[in-house]
């Protein structure tokens, strides 16, 4: 299941349309998701990734956020 999600993320990164010039966080959300899935497993990694995407908004300061 994790391999499938990694393939989807790879396809997304290749064909996405950039709406913002730079990501606010390091690593980017897609890289964070891959790292989180590898570290925490599918379900907890997915939940942490969703929480990260929710936190990415115009009012957040961004910065370094490792899983």
PDB file of N, CA and C in Angstrom:
ATOM      1  N   UNK A   1       0.813  -1.182   0.000  1.00  0.00           N
ATOM      2  CA  UNK A   1       0.000   0.000   0.000  1.00  0.00           C
ATOM      3  C   UNK A   1       0.865   1.259   0.000  1.00  0.00           C
ATOM      4  N   UNK A   2       1.949   1.241   0.761  1.00  0.00           N
ATOM      5  CA  UNK A   2       2.835   2.397   0.809  1.00  0.00           C
ATOM      6  C   UNK A   2       3.487   2.624  -0.551  1.00  0.00           C
ATOM      7  N   UNK A   3       3.840   1.547  -1.250  1.00  0.00           N
ATOM      8  CA  UNK A   3       4.430   1.690  -2.593  1.00  0.00           C
ATOM      9  C   UNK A   3       3.456   2.387  -3.539  1.00  0.00           C
ATOM     10  N   UNK A   4       2.188   2.020  -3.440  1.00  0.00           N
ATOM     11  CA  UNK A   4       1.166   2.612  -4.297  1.00  0.00           C
ATOM     12  C   UNK A   4       1.069   4.116  -4.052  1.00  0.00           C
ATOM     13  N   UNK A   5       1.052   4.507  -2.786  1.00  0.00           N
ATOM     14  CA  UNK A   5       0.964   5.933  -2.448  1.00  0.00           C
ATOM     15  C   UNK A   5       2.209   6.664  -2.943  1.00  0.00           C
ATOM     16  N   UNK A   6       3.384   6.047  -2.816  1.00  0.00           N
ATOM     17  CA  UNK A   6       4.617   6.678  -3.305  1.00  0.00           C
ATOM     18  C   UNK A   6       4.558   6.890  -4.819  1.00  0.00           C
ATOM     19  N   UNK A   7       3.999   5.939  -5.545  1.00  0.00           N
ATOM     20  CA  UNK A   7       3.870   6.076  -7.003  1.00  0.00           C
ATOM     21  C   UNK A   7       2.924   7.227  -7.341  1.00  0.00           C
ATOM     22  N   UNK A   8       1.812   7.329  -6.627  1.00  0.00           N
ATOM     23  CA  UNK A   8       0.857   8.417  -6.848  1.00  0.00           C
ATOM     24  C   UNK A   8       1.526   9.765  -6.583  1.00  0.00           C
ATOM     25  N   UNK A   9       2.302   9.856  -5.516  1.00  0.00           N
ATOM     26  CA  UNK A   9       2.995  11.112  -5.188  1.00  0.00           C
ATOM     27  C   UNK A   9       4.012  11.453  -6.262  1.00  0.00           C
ATOM     28  N   UNK A  10       4.735  10.451  -6.761  1.00  0.00           N
ATOM     29  CA  UNK A  10       5.721  10.678  -7.806  1.00  0.00           C
ATOM     30  C   UNK A  10       5.044  11.220  -9.073  1.00  0.00           C
ATOM     31  N   UNK A  11       3.900  10.635  -9.440  1.00  0.00           N
ATOM     32  CA  UNK A  11       3.158  11.110 -10.611  1.00  0.00           C
ATOM     33  C   UNK A  11       2.658  12.528 -10.380  1.00  0.00           C
ATOM     34  N   UNK A  12       2.151  12.800  -9.193  1.00  0.00           N
ATOM     35  CA  UNK A  12       1.681  14.153  -8.853  1.00  0.00           C
ATOM     36  C   UNK A  12       2.802  15.174  -8.970  1.00  0.00           C
ATOM     37  N   UNK A  13       3.968  14.856  -8.416  1.00  0.00           N
ATOM     38  CA  UNK A  13       5.094  15.788  -8.458  1.00  0.00           C
ATOM     39  C   UNK A  13       5.553  16.056  -9.882  1.00  0.00           C
ATOM     40  N   UNK A  14       5.418  15.062 -10.747  1.00  0.00           N
ATOM     41  CA  UNK A  14       5.872  15.224 -12.119  1.00  0.00           C
ATOM     42  C   UNK A  14       4.917  16.103 -12.938  1.00  0.00           C
ATOM     43  N   UNK A  15       3.617  15.989 -12.684  1.00  0.00           N
ATOM     44  CA  UNK A  15       2.638  16.653 -13.543  1.00  0.00           C
ATOM     45  C   UNK A  15       1.860  17.775 -12.862  1.00  0.00           C
ATOM     46  N   UNK A  16       2.235  18.177 -11.665  1.00  0.00           N
ATOM     47  CA  UNK A  16       1.461  19.204 -10.978  1.00  0.00           C
ATOM     48  C   UNK A  16       1.664  20.579 -11.610  1.00  0.00           C
ATOM     49  N   UNK A  17       0.679  21.398 -11.396  1.00  0.00           N
ATOM     50  CA  UNK A  17       0.750  22.788 -11.836  1.00  0.00           C
ATOM     51  C   UNK A  17       1.105  23.600 -10.603  1.00  0.00           C
ATOM     52  N   UNK A  18       2.183  24.312 -10.653  1.00  0.00           N
ATOM     53  CA  UNK A  18       2.640  25.077  -9.496  1.00  0.00           C
ATOM     54  C   UNK A  18       1.793  26.331  -9.338  1.00  0.00           C
ATOM     55  N   UNK A  19       1.151  26.424  -8.166  1.00  0.00           N
ATOM     56  CA  UNK A  19       0.361  27.614  -7.885  1.00  0.00           C
ATOM     57  C   UNK A  19       1.155  28.597  -7.034  1.00  0.00           C
ATOM     58  N   UNK A  20       2.096  28.077  -6.233  1.00  0.00           N
ATOM     59  CA  UNK A  20       2.964  28.913  -5.428  1.00  0.00           C
ATOM     60  C   UNK A  20       4.403  28.670  -5.862  1.00  0.00           C
ATOM     61  N   UNK A  21       5.230  29.699  -5.862  1.00  0.00           N
ATOM     62  CA  UNK A  21       6.605  29.522  -6.322  1.00  0.00           C
ATOM     63  C   UNK A  21       7.446  28.677  -5.371  1.00  0.00           C
ATOM     64  N   UNK A  22       7.193  28.754  -4.074  1.00  0.00           N
ATOM     65  CA  UNK A  22       8.012  28.054  -3.094  1.00  0.00           C
ATOM     66  C   UNK A  22       7.115  27.494  -1.996  1.00  0.00           C
ATOM     67  N   UNK A  23       7.457  26.316  -1.517  1.00  0.00           N
ATOM     68  CA  UNK A  23       6.717  25.721  -0.400  1.00  0.00           C
ATOM     69  C   UNK A  23       7.121  26.413   0.898  1.00  0.00           C
ATOM     70  N   UNK A  24       6.176  26.593   1.823  1.00  0.00           N
ATOM     71  CA  UNK A  24       6.443  27.257   3.098  1.00  0.00           C
ATOM     72  C   UNK A  24       7.208  26.365   4.057  1.00  0.00           C
ATOM     73  N   UNK A  25       7.040  25.084   3.899  1.00  0.00           N
ATOM     74  CA  UNK A  25       7.643  24.131   4.817  1.00  0.00           C
ATOM     75  C   UNK A  25       8.817  23.409   4.167  1.00  0.00           C
ATOM     76  N   UNK A  26       9.708  22.928   5.009  1.00  0.00           N
ATOM     77  CA  UNK A  26      10.751  22.019   4.556  1.00  0.00           C
ATOM     78  C   UNK A  26      10.639  20.770   5.403  1.00  0.00           C
ATOM     79  N   UNK A  27      10.543  19.618   4.855  1.00  0.00           N
ATOM     80  CA  UNK A  27      10.400  19.269   3.446  1.00  0.00           C
ATOM     81  C   UNK A  27       9.001  19.619   2.917  1.00  0.00           C
ATOM     82  N   UNK A  28       8.851  19.580   1.606  1.00  0.00           N
ATOM     83  CA  UNK A  28       7.553  19.898   1.007  1.00  0.00           C
ATOM     84  C   UNK A  28       6.527  18.854   1.462  1.00  0.00           C
ATOM     85  N   UNK A  29       5.261  19.139   1.248  1.00  0.00           N
ATOM     86  CA  UNK A  29       4.204  18.245   1.731  1.00  0.00           C
ATOM     87  C   UNK A  29       4.305  16.845   1.132  1.00  0.00           C
ATOM     88  N   UNK A  30       4.635  16.753  -0.138  1.00  0.00           N
ATOM     89  CA  UNK A  30       4.745  15.433  -0.751  1.00  0.00           C
ATOM     90  C   UNK A  30       5.951  14.665  -0.204  1.00  0.00           C
ATOM     91  N   UNK A  31       7.065  15.345   0.010  1.00  0.00           N
ATOM     92  CA  UNK A  31       8.228  14.684   0.608  1.00  0.00           C
ATOM     93  C   UNK A  31       7.932  14.291   2.050  1.00  0.00           C
ATOM     94  N   UNK A  32       7.211  15.149   2.764  1.00  0.00           N
ATOM     95  CA  UNK A  32       6.822  14.860   4.140  1.00  0.00           C
ATOM     96  C   UNK A  32       5.965  13.602   4.192  1.00  0.00           C
ATOM     97  N   UNK A  33       5.044  13.476   3.247  1.00  0.00           N
ATOM     98  CA  UNK A  33       4.167  12.308   3.230  1.00  0.00           C
ATOM     99  C   UNK A  33       4.959  11.026   3.030  1.00  0.00           C
ATOM    100  N   UNK A  34       5.892  11.019   2.097  1.00  0.00           N
ATOM    101  CA  UNK A  34       6.709   9.830   1.871  1.00  0.00           C
ATOM    102  C   UNK A  34       7.514   9.493   3.123  1.00  0.00           C
ATOM    103  N   UNK A  35       8.133  10.502   3.737  1.00  0.00           N
ATOM    104  CA  UNK A  35       8.922  10.269   4.942  1.00  0.00           C
ATOM    105  C   UNK A  35       8.040   9.763   6.088  1.00  0.00           C
ATOM    106  N   UNK A  36       6.866  10.326   6.218  1.00  0.00           N
ATOM    107  CA  UNK A  36       5.955   9.942   7.284  1.00  0.00           C
ATOM    108  C   UNK A  36       5.450   8.514   7.090  1.00  0.00           C
ATOM    109  N   UNK A  37       5.146   8.149   5.859  1.00  0.00           N
ATOM    110  CA  UNK A  37       4.693   6.786   5.581  1.00  0.00           C
ATOM    111  C   UNK A  37       5.791   5.768   5.884  1.00  0.00           C
ATOM    112  N   UNK A  38       7.022   6.110   5.539  1.00  0.00           N
ATOM    113  CA  UNK A  38       8.130   5.192   5.805  1.00  0.00           C
ATOM    114  C   UNK A  38       8.403   5.060   7.300  1.00  0.00           C
ATOM    115  N   UNK A  39       8.269   6.155   8.036  1.00  0.00           N
ATOM    116  CA  UNK A  39       8.609   6.147   9.458  1.00  0.00           C
ATOM    117  C   UNK A  39       7.491   5.563  10.327  1.00  0.00           C
ATOM    118  N   UNK A  40       6.228   5.924  10.029  1.00  0.00           N
ATOM    119  CA  UNK A  40       5.125   5.593  10.923  1.00  0.00           C
ATOM    120  C   UNK A  40       4.173   4.528  10.385  1.00  0.00           C
ATOM    121  N   UNK A  41       4.350   4.067   9.161  1.00  0.00           N
ATOM    122  CA  UNK A  41       3.400   3.116   8.596  1.00  0.00           C
ATOM    123  C   UNK A  41       2.280   3.847   7.867  1.00  0.00           C
ATOM    124  N   UNK A  42       1.381   3.064   7.291  1.00  0.00           N
ATOM    125  CA  UNK A  42       0.379   3.648   6.399  1.00  0.00           C
ATOM    126  C   UNK A  42      -0.616   4.549   7.125  1.00  0.00           C
ATOM    127  N   UNK A  43      -1.299   4.033   8.147  1.00  0.00           N
ATOM    128  CA  UNK A  43      -2.397   4.798   8.741  1.00  0.00           C
ATOM    129  C   UNK A  43      -1.916   6.018   9.527  1.00  0.00           C
ATOM    130  N   UNK A  44      -0.949   5.856  10.395  1.00  0.00           N
ATOM    131  CA  UNK A  44      -0.454   6.999  11.168  1.00  0.00           C
ATOM    132  C   UNK A  44       0.263   7.995  10.256  1.00  0.00           C
ATOM    133  N   UNK A  45       1.014   7.483   9.274  1.00  0.00           N
ATOM    134  CA  UNK A  45       1.679   8.360   8.319  1.00  0.00           C
ATOM    135  C   UNK A  45       0.694   9.167   7.501  1.00  0.00           C
ATOM    136  N   UNK A  46      -0.399   8.527   7.109  1.00  0.00           N
ATOM    137  CA  UNK A  46      -1.437   9.224   6.343  1.00  0.00           C
ATOM    138  C   UNK A  46      -2.099  10.311   7.190  1.00  0.00           C
ATOM    139  N   UNK A  47      -2.391   9.999   8.450  1.00  0.00           N
ATOM    140  CA  UNK A  47      -3.002  10.994   9.335  1.00  0.00           C
ATOM    141  C   UNK A  47      -2.063  12.178   9.564  1.00  0.00           C
ATOM    142  N   UNK A  48      -0.790  11.921   9.780  1.00  0.00           N
ATOM    143  CA  UNK A  48       0.176  12.999   9.977  1.00  0.00           C
ATOM    144  C   UNK A  48       0.290  13.851   8.717  1.00  0.00           C
ATOM    145  N   UNK A  49       0.223  13.235   7.559  1.00  0.00           N
ATOM    146  CA  UNK A  49       0.309  13.966   6.291  1.00  0.00           C
ATOM    147  C   UNK A  49      -0.917  14.846   6.072  1.00  0.00           C
ATOM    148  N   UNK A  50      -2.085  14.326   6.402  1.00  0.00           N
ATOM    149  CA  UNK A  50      -3.310  15.123   6.272  1.00  0.00           C
ATOM    150  C   UNK A  50      -3.257  16.319   7.216  1.00  0.00           C
ATOM    151  N   UNK A  51      -2.780  16.101   8.448  1.00  0.00           N
ATOM    152  CA  UNK A  51      -2.655  17.199   9.405  1.00  0.00           C
ATOM    153  C   UNK A  51      -1.689  18.265   8.886  1.00  0.00           C
ATOM    154  N   UNK A  52      -0.623  17.821   8.236  1.00  0.00           N
ATOM    155  CA  UNK A  52       0.357  18.764   7.668  1.00  0.00           C
ATOM    156  C   UNK A  52      -0.286  19.613   6.575  1.00  0.00           C
ATOM    157  N   UNK A  53      -1.074  18.993   5.714  1.00  0.00           N
ATOM    158  CA  UNK A  53      -1.730  19.721   4.626  1.00  0.00           C
ATOM    159  C   UNK A  53      -2.736  20.733   5.197  1.00  0.00           C
ATOM    160  N   UNK A  54      -3.437  20.346   6.258  1.00  0.00           N
ATOM    161  CA  UNK A  54      -4.384  21.263   6.901  1.00  0.00           C
ATOM    162  C   UNK A  54      -3.654  22.475   7.474  1.00  0.00           C
ATOM    163  N   UNK A  55      -2.461  22.262   8.030  1.00  0.00           N
ATOM    164  CA  UNK A  55      -1.696  23.366   8.632  1.00  0.00           C
ATOM    165  C   UNK A  55      -1.092  24.292   7.591  1.00  0.00           C
ATOM    166  N   UNK A  56      -1.007  23.876   6.354  1.00  0.00           N
ATOM    167  CA  UNK A  56      -0.417  24.709   5.306  1.00  0.00           C
ATOM    168  C   UNK A  56      -1.472  25.714   4.833  1.00  0.00           C
ATOM    169  N   UNK A  57      -1.419  26.904   5.377  1.00  0.00           N
ATOM    170  CA  UNK A  57      -2.381  27.939   5.034  1.00  0.00           C
ATOM    171  C   UNK A  57      -1.680  29.293   5.068  1.00  0.00           C
ATOM    172  N   UNK A  58      -2.326  30.334   4.610  1.00  0.00           N
ATOM    173  CA  UNK A  58      -1.678  31.644   4.556  1.00  0.00           C
ATOM    174  C   UNK A  58      -1.282  32.214   5.923  1.00  0.00           C
ATOM    175  N   UNK A  59      -1.854  31.696   7.002  1.00  0.00           N
ATOM    176  CA  UNK A  59      -1.583  32.241   8.328  1.00  0.00           C
ATOM    177  C   UNK A  59      -0.457  31.514   9.057  1.00  0.00           C
ATOM    178  N   UNK A  60       0.033  30.413   8.499  1.00  0.00           N
ATOM    179  CA  UNK A  60       1.123  29.686   9.150  1.00  0.00           C
ATOM    180  C   UNK A  60       2.468  30.288   8.744  1.00  0.00           C
ATOM    181  N   UNK A  61       3.444  30.143   9.613  1.00  0.00           N
ATOM    182  CA  UNK A  61       4.759  30.699   9.337  1.00  0.00           C
ATOM    183  C   UNK A  61       5.624  29.749   8.517  1.00  0.00           C
ATOM    184  N   UNK A  62       5.280  28.466   8.537  1.00  0.00           N
ATOM    185  CA  UNK A  62       6.098  27.495   7.806  1.00  0.00           C
ATOM    186  C   UNK A  62       7.315  27.118   8.618  1.00  0.00           C
ATOM    187  N   UNK A  63       8.353  26.693   7.938  1.00  0.00           N
ATOM    188  CA  UNK A  63       9.598  26.335   8.605  1.00  0.00           C
ATOM    189  C   UNK A  63       9.940  24.860   8.419  1.00  0.00           C
ATOM    190  N   UNK A  64      10.843  24.383   9.257  1.00  0.00           N
ATOM    191  CA  UNK A  64      11.274  22.994   9.185  1.00  0.00           C
ATOM    192  C   UNK A  64      10.307  22.154  10.002  1.00  0.00           C
ATOM    193  N   UNK A  65       9.762  21.116   9.388  1.00  0.00           N
ATOM    194  CA  UNK A  65       8.773  20.260  10.040  1.00  0.00           C
ATOM    195  C   UNK A  65       9.055  18.825   9.610  1.00  0.00           C
ATOM    196  N   UNK A  66       9.763  18.094  10.436  1.00  0.00           N
ATOM    197  CA  UNK A  66      10.078  16.704  10.119  1.00  0.00           C
ATOM    198  C   UNK A  66       9.063  15.771  10.755  1.00  0.00           C
ATOM    199  N   UNK A  67       8.772  14.637  10.105  1.00  0.00           N
ATOM    200  CA  UNK A  67       7.772  13.706  10.667  1.00  0.00           C
ATOM    201  C   UNK A  67       8.201  13.071  11.962  1.00  0.00           C
TER     202      UNK A  67
END
